[in-house]
Amino acid sequence: MSSQSAGILMYRLTGAEVEVLLVHPGGPFWRHKDNGAWSIPKGELGQGESPAETAQREFEEELGIPPTGALVPLGRIRQRAGKVVEAFALRGDLTPGDVRCSSLVEIEWPRGSGLIQRFPEIDRAAWFPLPEARLRILAAQGELLDRLEDRLANKS
């Protein structure tokens, strides 16, 4: 059974351009990876939580700022390892410098050492125009950018 996650794709409009907020995973595996490594803030569904509740909780845990506003469903995607991610769009704005990651992950590092170390779940967040976001985001999550763009185009 694949795991299920939910997350928020925050966006803002700067003139005629759409920008999205993406996060970069923390820890030593991702330190030198950039293109194809960024993600929407997301996490696994908690017991008894709806996907929307999970998405809001994870956004606050990863960024340290509670999301406010109406969530717009973007549907589900399946990532390469089989994880299903249900995503929501949210129009908003925040300053990445204000991000305070409050969640840590424990991993064995260096690999095979038996030493467990704690690292921030994300090490940074940034706004990207859609063309650049398509380069930065995990391949499977690129579909979410397409869905957001379609929704915004059909809203006009």
C-alpha atoms as a PDB file:
ATOM      1  CA  MET A   1       0.000   0.000   0.000  1.00  0.00           C
ATOM      2  CA  SER A   2       1.437   3.371  -0.974  1.00  0.00           C
ATOM      3  CA  SER A   3       1.599   6.162   1.561  1.00  0.00           C
ATOM      4  CA  GLN A   4      -0.650   9.178   1.222  1.00  0.00           C
ATOM      5  CA  SER A   5       0.346  12.785   1.744  1.00  0.00           C
ATOM      6  CA  ALA A   6      -1.315  16.146   1.370  1.00  0.00           C
ATOM      7  CA  GLY A   7       0.150  19.563   0.751  1.00  0.00           C
ATOM      8  CA  ILE A   8      -0.357  23.150  -0.292  1.00  0.00           C
ATOM      9  CA  LEU A   9       0.888  24.851  -3.428  1.00  0.00           C
ATOM     10  CA  MET A  10       0.901  28.509  -2.374  1.00  0.00           C
ATOM     11  CA  TYR A  11       0.898  31.007  -5.214  1.00  0.00           C
ATOM     12  CA  ARG A  12       0.935  34.748  -5.698  1.00  0.00           C
ATOM     13  CA  LEU A  13       0.426  37.027  -8.666  1.00  0.00           C
ATOM     14  CA  THR A  14       3.139  39.578  -9.383  1.00  0.00           C
ATOM     15  CA  GLY A  15       1.842  41.636 -12.263  1.00  0.00           C
ATOM     16  CA  ALA A  16       0.982  39.164 -15.014  1.00  0.00           C
ATOM     17  CA  GLU A  17       3.306  36.510 -13.595  1.00  0.00           C
ATOM     18  CA  VAL A  18       2.382  33.612 -11.315  1.00  0.00           C
ATOM     19  CA  GLU A  19       4.922  32.621  -8.659  1.00  0.00           C
ATOM     20  CA  VAL A  20       4.755  29.540  -6.460  1.00  0.00           C
ATOM     21  CA  LEU A  21       6.318  28.796  -3.092  1.00  0.00           C
ATOM     22  CA  LEU A  22       8.448  25.653  -2.989  1.00  0.00           C
ATOM     23  CA  VAL A  23      10.539  24.103  -0.233  1.00  0.00           C
ATOM     24  CA  HIS A  24      13.919  22.382  -0.430  1.00  0.00           C
ATOM     25  CA  PRO A  25      14.437  19.242   1.681  1.00  0.00           C
ATOM     26  CA  GLY A  26      16.996  19.474   4.449  1.00  0.00           C
ATOM     27  CA  GLY A  27      19.650  16.962   5.391  1.00  0.00           C
ATOM     28  CA  PRO A  28      22.792  15.678   3.750  1.00  0.00           C
ATOM     29  CA  PHE A  29      21.144  13.724   0.887  1.00  0.00           C
ATOM     30  CA  TRP A  30      19.728  16.911  -0.651  1.00  0.00           C
ATOM     31  CA  ARG A  31      22.484  19.396   0.226  1.00  0.00           C
ATOM     32  CA  HIS A  32      23.915  19.622  -3.309  1.00  0.00           C
ATOM     33  CA  LYS A  33      20.730  18.888  -5.271  1.00  0.00           C
ATOM     34  CA  ASP A  34      18.664  21.709  -6.693  1.00  0.00           C
ATOM     35  CA  ASN A  35      16.813  21.185  -9.971  1.00  0.00           C
ATOM     36  CA  GLY A  36      14.272  18.417  -9.539  1.00  0.00           C
ATOM     37  CA  ALA A  37      14.608  18.423  -5.741  1.00  0.00           C
ATOM     38  CA  TRP A  38      12.112  21.071  -4.559  1.00  0.00           C
ATOM     39  CA  SER A  39       8.581  20.238  -3.424  1.00  0.00           C
ATOM     40  CA  ILE A  40       5.339  21.676  -2.174  1.00  0.00           C
ATOM     41  CA  PRO A  41       5.122  21.661   1.645  1.00  0.00           C
ATOM     42  CA  LYS A  42       3.423  18.333   2.357  1.00  0.00           C
ATOM     43  CA  GLY A  43       3.301  15.380   4.709  1.00  0.00           C
ATOM     44  CA  GLU A  44       1.610  12.113   5.530  1.00  0.00           C
ATOM     45  CA  LEU A  45      -2.030  12.007   6.539  1.00  0.00           C
ATOM     46  CA  GLY A  46      -2.539  11.754  10.271  1.00  0.00           C
ATOM     47  CA  GLN A  47      -5.022   9.271  11.632  1.00  0.00           C
ATOM     48  CA  GLY A  48      -8.528  10.694  11.338  1.00  0.00           C
ATOM     49  CA  GLU A  49      -7.311  13.772   9.427  1.00  0.00           C
ATOM     50  CA  SER A  50      -8.772  14.917   6.143  1.00  0.00           C
ATOM     51  CA  PRO A  51      -6.318  15.750   3.368  1.00  0.00           C
ATOM     52  CA  ALA A  52      -7.110  19.476   3.815  1.00  0.00           C
ATOM     53  CA  GLU A  53      -6.368  19.277   7.559  1.00  0.00           C
ATOM     54  CA  THR A  54      -3.110  17.448   6.870  1.00  0.00           C
ATOM     55  CA  ALA A  55      -2.079  19.981   4.229  1.00  0.00           C
ATOM     56  CA  GLN A  56      -2.671  22.877   6.629  1.00  0.00           C
ATOM     57  CA  ARG A  57      -0.865  21.163   9.517  1.00  0.00           C
ATOM     58  CA  GLU A  58       2.128  20.243   7.373  1.00  0.00           C
ATOM     59  CA  PHE A  59       2.388  23.740   5.906  1.00  0.00           C
ATOM     60  CA  GLU A  60       2.602  25.207   9.397  1.00  0.00           C
ATOM     61  CA  GLU A  61       5.008  22.520  10.640  1.00  0.00           C
ATOM     62  CA  GLU A  62       7.367  22.949   7.696  1.00  0.00           C
ATOM     63  CA  LEU A  63       7.204  26.733   7.361  1.00  0.00           C
ATOM     64  CA  GLY A  64       6.318  27.835  10.892  1.00  0.00           C
ATOM     65  CA  ILE A  65       3.436  29.956   9.587  1.00  0.00           C
ATOM     66  CA  PRO A  66      -0.215  28.852   9.560  1.00  0.00           C
ATOM     67  CA  PRO A  67      -1.845  29.042   6.128  1.00  0.00           C
ATOM     68  CA  THR A  68      -4.950  31.217   5.869  1.00  0.00           C
ATOM     69  CA  GLY A  69      -7.538  31.352   3.137  1.00  0.00           C
ATOM     70  CA  ALA A  70      -9.623  29.010   1.049  1.00  0.00           C
ATOM     71  CA  LEU A  71      -7.945  25.840  -0.197  1.00  0.00           C
ATOM     72  CA  VAL A  72      -8.663  24.976  -3.839  1.00  0.00           C
ATOM     73  CA  PRO A  73      -8.371  21.250  -4.655  1.00  0.00           C
ATOM     74  CA  LEU A  74      -5.784  20.392  -7.329  1.00  0.00           C
ATOM     75  CA  GLY A  75      -6.350  16.645  -7.151  1.00  0.00           C
ATOM     76  CA  ARG A  76      -3.910  13.805  -6.649  1.00  0.00           C
ATOM     77  CA  ILE A  77      -0.630  12.840  -8.224  1.00  0.00           C
ATOM     78  CA  ARG A  78       1.496   9.724  -7.793  1.00  0.00           C
ATOM     79  CA  GLN A  79       5.204  10.200  -7.199  1.00  0.00           C
ATOM     80  CA  ARG A  80       7.859   7.870  -8.590  1.00  0.00           C
ATOM     81  CA  ALA A  81       8.129   5.768  -5.416  1.00  0.00           C
ATOM     82  CA  GLY A  82       4.340   5.319  -5.362  1.00  0.00           C
ATOM     83  CA  LYS A  83       3.414   7.949  -2.762  1.00  0.00           C
ATOM     84  CA  VAL A  84       0.070   9.603  -3.526  1.00  0.00           C
ATOM     85  CA  VAL A  85      -0.029  13.352  -2.882  1.00  0.00           C
ATOM     86  CA  GLU A  86      -3.303  15.258  -2.674  1.00  0.00           C
ATOM     87  CA  ALA A  87      -2.678  18.940  -3.255  1.00  0.00           C
ATOM     88  CA  PHE A  88      -4.466  22.207  -2.705  1.00  0.00           C
ATOM     89  CA  ALA A  89      -3.764  25.640  -4.151  1.00  0.00           C
ATOM     90  CA  LEU A  90      -3.776  28.639  -1.836  1.00  0.00           C
ATOM     91  CA  ARG A  91      -3.269  32.240  -2.813  1.00  0.00           C
ATOM     92  CA  GLY A  92      -1.032  33.929  -0.300  1.00  0.00           C
ATOM     93  CA  ASP A  93       2.226  35.603   0.387  1.00  0.00           C
ATOM     94  CA  LEU A  94       4.985  35.185   2.900  1.00  0.00           C
ATOM     95  CA  THR A  95       8.584  36.168   3.130  1.00  0.00           C
ATOM     96  CA  PRO A  96      10.829  33.099   2.895  1.00  0.00           C
ATOM     97  CA  GLY A  97      13.156  34.771   5.425  1.00  0.00           C
ATOM     98  CA  ASP A  98      10.314  34.471   7.953  1.00  0.00           C
ATOM     99  CA  VAL A  99      10.187  30.685   7.532  1.00  0.00           C
ATOM    100  CA  ARG A 100      10.910  28.834  10.772  1.00  0.00           C
ATOM    101  CA  CYS A 101      11.007  25.098  10.106  1.00  0.00           C
ATOM    102  CA  SER A 102       9.801  23.420  13.249  1.00  0.00           C
ATOM    103  CA  SER A 103      10.005  19.802  12.151  1.00  0.00           C
ATOM    104  CA  LEU A 104      13.091  17.669  12.296  1.00  0.00           C
ATOM    105  CA  VAL A 105      13.797  14.279  10.761  1.00  0.00           C
ATOM    106  CA  GLU A 106      16.124  11.657  12.143  1.00  0.00           C
ATOM    107  CA  ILE A 107      18.357   9.760   9.746  1.00  0.00           C
ATOM    108  CA  GLU A 108      21.424   7.612   9.991  1.00  0.00           C
ATOM    109  CA  TRP A 109      24.343   9.798   8.950  1.00  0.00           C
ATOM    110  CA  PRO A 110      26.871   9.021   7.684  1.00  0.00           C
ATOM    111  CA  ARG A 111      25.189   6.027   6.065  1.00  0.00           C
ATOM    112  CA  GLY A 112      26.092   2.750   7.713  1.00  0.00           C
ATOM    113  CA  SER A 113      27.602   4.487  10.767  1.00  0.00           C
ATOM    114  CA  GLY A 114      24.790   3.653  13.170  1.00  0.00           C
ATOM    115  CA  LEU A 115      24.821   7.322  14.213  1.00  0.00           C
ATOM    116  CA  ILE A 116      21.371   8.938  14.157  1.00  0.00           C
ATOM    117  CA  GLN A 117      21.362  12.680  13.508  1.00  0.00           C
ATOM    118  CA  ARG A 118      18.556  15.226  13.360  1.00  0.00           C
ATOM    119  CA  PHE A 119      18.124  17.597  10.439  1.00  0.00           C
ATOM    120  CA  PRO A 120      15.461  20.196   9.560  1.00  0.00           C
ATOM    121  CA  GLU A 121      12.814  18.693   7.304  1.00  0.00           C
ATOM    122  CA  ILE A 122      13.319  21.639   4.954  1.00  0.00           C
ATOM    123  CA  ASP A 123      16.344  23.894   4.740  1.00  0.00           C
ATOM    124  CA  ARG A 124      14.820  26.744   2.740  1.00  0.00           C
ATOM    125  CA  ALA A 125      11.772  28.046   0.927  1.00  0.00           C
ATOM    126  CA  ALA A 126      11.624  30.305  -2.115  1.00  0.00           C
ATOM    127  CA  TRP A 127       9.253  31.849  -4.638  1.00  0.00           C
ATOM    128  CA  PHE A 128       9.696  30.845  -8.272  1.00  0.00           C
ATOM    129  CA  PRO A 129       7.972  31.979 -11.471  1.00  0.00           C
ATOM    130  CA  LEU A 130       6.231  28.998 -13.086  1.00  0.00           C
ATOM    131  CA  PRO A 131       8.891  28.374 -15.786  1.00  0.00           C
ATOM    132  CA  GLU A 132      11.649  28.185 -13.163  1.00  0.00           C
ATOM    133  CA  ALA A 133       9.459  26.201 -10.765  1.00  0.00           C
ATOM    134  CA  ARG A 134       9.045  23.541 -13.482  1.00  0.00           C
ATOM    135  CA  LEU A 135      12.831  23.041 -13.416  1.00  0.00           C
ATOM    136  CA  ARG A 136      13.122  22.985  -9.635  1.00  0.00           C
ATOM    137  CA  ILE A 137      10.137  20.853  -8.560  1.00  0.00           C
ATOM    138  CA  LEU A 138      10.152  17.049  -8.293  1.00  0.00           C
ATOM    139  CA  ALA A 139       9.143  15.662 -11.688  1.00  0.00           C
ATOM    140  CA  ALA A 140       5.848  14.109 -10.571  1.00  0.00           C
ATOM    141  CA  GLN A 141       4.763  17.313  -8.834  1.00  0.00           C
ATOM    142  CA  GLY A 142       5.138  19.284 -12.052  1.00  0.00           C
ATOM    143  CA  GLU A 143       1.588  18.222 -12.899  1.00  0.00           C
ATOM    144  CA  LEU A 144       0.401  20.353  -9.961  1.00  0.00           C
ATOM    145  CA  LEU A 145       1.911  23.442 -11.596  1.00  0.00           C
ATOM    146  CA  ASP A 146       0.005  22.627 -14.798  1.00  0.00           C
ATOM    147  CA  ARG A 147      -3.244  22.223 -12.862  1.00  0.00           C
ATOM    148  CA  LEU A 148      -2.734  25.516 -11.032  1.00  0.00           C
ATOM    149  CA  GLU A 149      -1.986  27.304 -14.301  1.00  0.00           C
ATOM    150  CA  ASP A 150      -5.131  25.813 -15.901  1.00  0.00           C
ATOM    151  CA  ARG A 151      -7.316  26.872 -12.961  1.00  0.00           C
ATOM    152  CA  LEU A 152      -5.978  30.416 -13.036  1.00  0.00           C
ATOM    153  CA  ALA A 153      -6.414  30.665 -16.831  1.00  0.00           C
ATOM    154  CA  ASN A 154     -10.016  29.425 -16.629  1.00  0.00           C
ATOM    155  CA  LYS A 155     -10.819  31.862 -13.815  1.00  0.00           C
ATOM    156  CA  SER A 156     -10.209  34.892 -16.021  1.00  0.00           C
END
